[in-house]
Each structure stands twice: as C-alpha cells, then as structure tokens.
Amino acid sequence: MAADIEAAAILIGAVVPETREEVAIDVPDFAPELSAHCAALGLAPSFETTRMYRGAPLEVGESIYAVGTLELG
C-alpha cells in the first residue's frame, strides 16, 4: 500500500517492468493520473467494481486504499 498517488506511481513503476507475472492494481476513481501512469506501463482495465452503501455514503478522501479481497472490501 502506498501513502499517496506519487508513492503509488513510484512503486508501480518499479514493480511492473520487472515482472513477467500477471499484475492487478485497483486504481481509485479519484486518481486518473495514476490510471494514466499504469496505462503507460502497458496495463489495461479488465473490470470495474461498484462501491455500495447502506445509509449515507462515506466521504472518500485523497488516500490510497487496499482491499484484501473483493469479498471483504
């Protein structure tokens, strides 16, 4: 997990070119520059997920979040 968008871009830029394995990265909607960075490294969208709430939606800040699995969120 990265502390901010810039740190995430550095981490992704260091890992992606060095691996031949499949790479999956969850890029938050509020980080289009990170999405563009991933695309420049040859990554392409494969599917999207939808965040759903019961009650009022939580406010999403300028943070990077990680999910353990899609089932756990």
C-alpha atoms as a PDB file:
ATOM      1  CA  MET A   1       0.000   0.000   0.000  1.00  0.00           C
ATOM      2  CA  ALA A   2       1.274   3.465  -0.838  1.00  0.00           C
ATOM      3  CA  ALA A   3       0.917   6.635   1.193  1.00  0.00           C
ATOM      4  CA  ASP A   4      -0.147   8.817  -1.734  1.00  0.00           C
ATOM      5  CA  ILE A   5      -0.553   8.882  -5.528  1.00  0.00           C
ATOM      6  CA  GLU A   6       3.093   9.798  -6.173  1.00  0.00           C
ATOM      7  CA  ALA A   7       4.362   6.976  -3.950  1.00  0.00           C
ATOM      8  CA  ALA A   8       1.973   4.538  -5.659  1.00  0.00           C
ATOM      9  CA  ALA A   9       3.274   5.587  -9.089  1.00  0.00           C
ATOM     10  CA  ILE A  10       6.884   5.032  -7.981  1.00  0.00           C
ATOM     11  CA  LEU A  11       6.052   1.608  -6.518  1.00  0.00           C
ATOM     12  CA  ILE A  12       4.094   0.518  -9.600  1.00  0.00           C
ATOM     13  CA  GLY A  13       6.823   1.832 -11.919  1.00  0.00           C
ATOM     14  CA  ALA A  14       9.423  -0.207 -10.048  1.00  0.00           C
ATOM     15  CA  VAL A  15       7.462  -3.470  -9.952  1.00  0.00           C
ATOM     16  CA  VAL A  16       5.589  -3.730 -13.259  1.00  0.00           C
ATOM     17  CA  PRO A  17       8.550  -3.606 -15.679  1.00  0.00           C
ATOM     18  CA  GLU A  18      10.462  -6.194 -13.624  1.00  0.00           C
ATOM     19  CA  THR A  19       7.866  -8.970 -13.612  1.00  0.00           C
ATOM     20  CA  ARG A  20       6.560 -11.376 -16.207  1.00  0.00           C
ATOM     21  CA  GLU A  21       3.696 -12.381 -13.908  1.00  0.00           C
ATOM     22  CA  GLU A  22       0.183 -11.005 -14.160  1.00  0.00           C
ATOM     23  CA  VAL A  23      -0.295  -7.753 -12.256  1.00  0.00           C
ATOM     24  CA  ALA A  24      -3.620  -6.450 -10.916  1.00  0.00           C
ATOM     25  CA  ILE A  25      -3.904  -2.967  -9.457  1.00  0.00           C
ATOM     26  CA  ASP A  26      -7.024  -1.333  -8.028  1.00  0.00           C
ATOM     27  CA  VAL A  27      -6.851   2.332  -9.034  1.00  0.00           C
ATOM     28  CA  PRO A  28      -9.338   4.589  -7.205  1.00  0.00           C
ATOM     29  CA  ASP A  29     -11.637   6.859  -9.255  1.00  0.00           C
ATOM     30  CA  PHE A  30     -10.069   9.982  -7.761  1.00  0.00           C
ATOM     31  CA  ALA A  31      -6.633   9.120  -9.226  1.00  0.00           C
ATOM     32  CA  PRO A  32      -6.897   9.465 -13.026  1.00  0.00           C
ATOM     33  CA  GLU A  33      -3.194  10.362 -13.196  1.00  0.00           C
ATOM     34  CA  LEU A  34      -2.325   7.016 -11.617  1.00  0.00           C
ATOM     35  CA  SER A  35      -4.577   5.259 -14.134  1.00  0.00           C
ATOM     36  CA  ALA A  36      -2.727   7.043 -16.963  1.00  0.00           C
ATOM     37  CA  HIS A  37       0.629   6.028 -15.430  1.00  0.00           C
ATOM     38  CA  CYS A  38      -0.476   2.384 -15.330  1.00  0.00           C
ATOM     39  CA  ALA A  39      -1.650   2.571 -18.946  1.00  0.00           C
ATOM     40  CA  ALA A  40       1.747   3.985 -19.974  1.00  0.00           C
ATOM     41  CA  LEU A  41       3.340   0.885 -18.398  1.00  0.00           C
ATOM     42  CA  GLY A  42       1.167  -1.362 -20.578  1.00  0.00           C
ATOM     43  CA  LEU A  43      -1.563  -2.168 -18.057  1.00  0.00           C
ATOM     44  CA  ALA A  44      -5.170  -2.156 -19.273  1.00  0.00           C
ATOM     45  CA  PRO A  45      -8.524  -2.150 -17.459  1.00  0.00           C
ATOM     46  CA  SER A  46     -10.037  -5.597 -17.032  1.00  0.00           C
ATOM     47  CA  PHE A  47     -13.185  -4.954 -14.952  1.00  0.00           C
ATOM     48  CA  GLU A  48     -14.715  -2.408 -12.623  1.00  0.00           C
ATOM     49  CA  THR A  49     -16.335  -2.728  -9.235  1.00  0.00           C
ATOM     50  CA  THR A  50     -19.017  -0.623  -7.594  1.00  0.00           C
ATOM     51  CA  ARG A  51     -18.857   0.619  -4.034  1.00  0.00           C
ATOM     52  CA  MET A  52     -22.242   0.247  -2.388  1.00  0.00           C
ATOM     53  CA  TYR A  53     -23.513   1.688   0.891  1.00  0.00           C
ATOM     54  CA  ARG A  54     -26.375   1.211   3.254  1.00  0.00           C
ATOM     55  CA  GLY A  55     -27.261   4.667   4.525  1.00  0.00           C
ATOM     56  CA  ALA A  56     -25.243   7.767   3.698  1.00  0.00           C
ATOM     57  CA  PRO A  57     -22.087   7.184   1.625  1.00  0.00           C
ATOM     58  CA  LEU A  58     -18.778   7.628   3.398  1.00  0.00           C
ATOM     59  CA  GLU A  59     -16.660  10.548   2.284  1.00  0.00           C
ATOM     60  CA  VAL A  60     -13.733   9.374   0.198  1.00  0.00           C
ATOM     61  CA  GLY A  61     -10.543  11.312   0.850  1.00  0.00           C
ATOM     62  CA  GLU A  62      -7.319  11.667  -1.062  1.00  0.00           C
ATOM     63  CA  SER A  63      -5.922   8.384   0.214  1.00  0.00           C
ATOM     64  CA  ILE A  64      -4.968   5.113  -1.378  1.00  0.00           C
ATOM     65  CA  TYR A  65      -6.964   2.154  -0.115  1.00  0.00           C
ATOM     66  CA  ALA A  66      -6.146  -1.524  -0.435  1.00  0.00           C
ATOM     67  CA  VAL A  67      -8.570  -4.403  -0.442  1.00  0.00           C
ATOM     68  CA  GLY A  68      -7.802  -7.839   0.919  1.00  0.00           C
ATOM     69  CA  THR A  69     -10.277  -9.398  -1.481  1.00  0.00           C
ATOM     70  CA  LEU A  70     -13.312  -8.098  -3.284  1.00  0.00           C
ATOM     71  CA  GLU A  71     -15.421 -10.173  -0.909  1.00  0.00           C
ATOM     72  CA  LEU A  72     -14.024  -8.395   2.156  1.00  0.00           C
ATOM     73  CA  GLY A  73     -13.727  -4.878   0.670  1.00  0.00           C
END
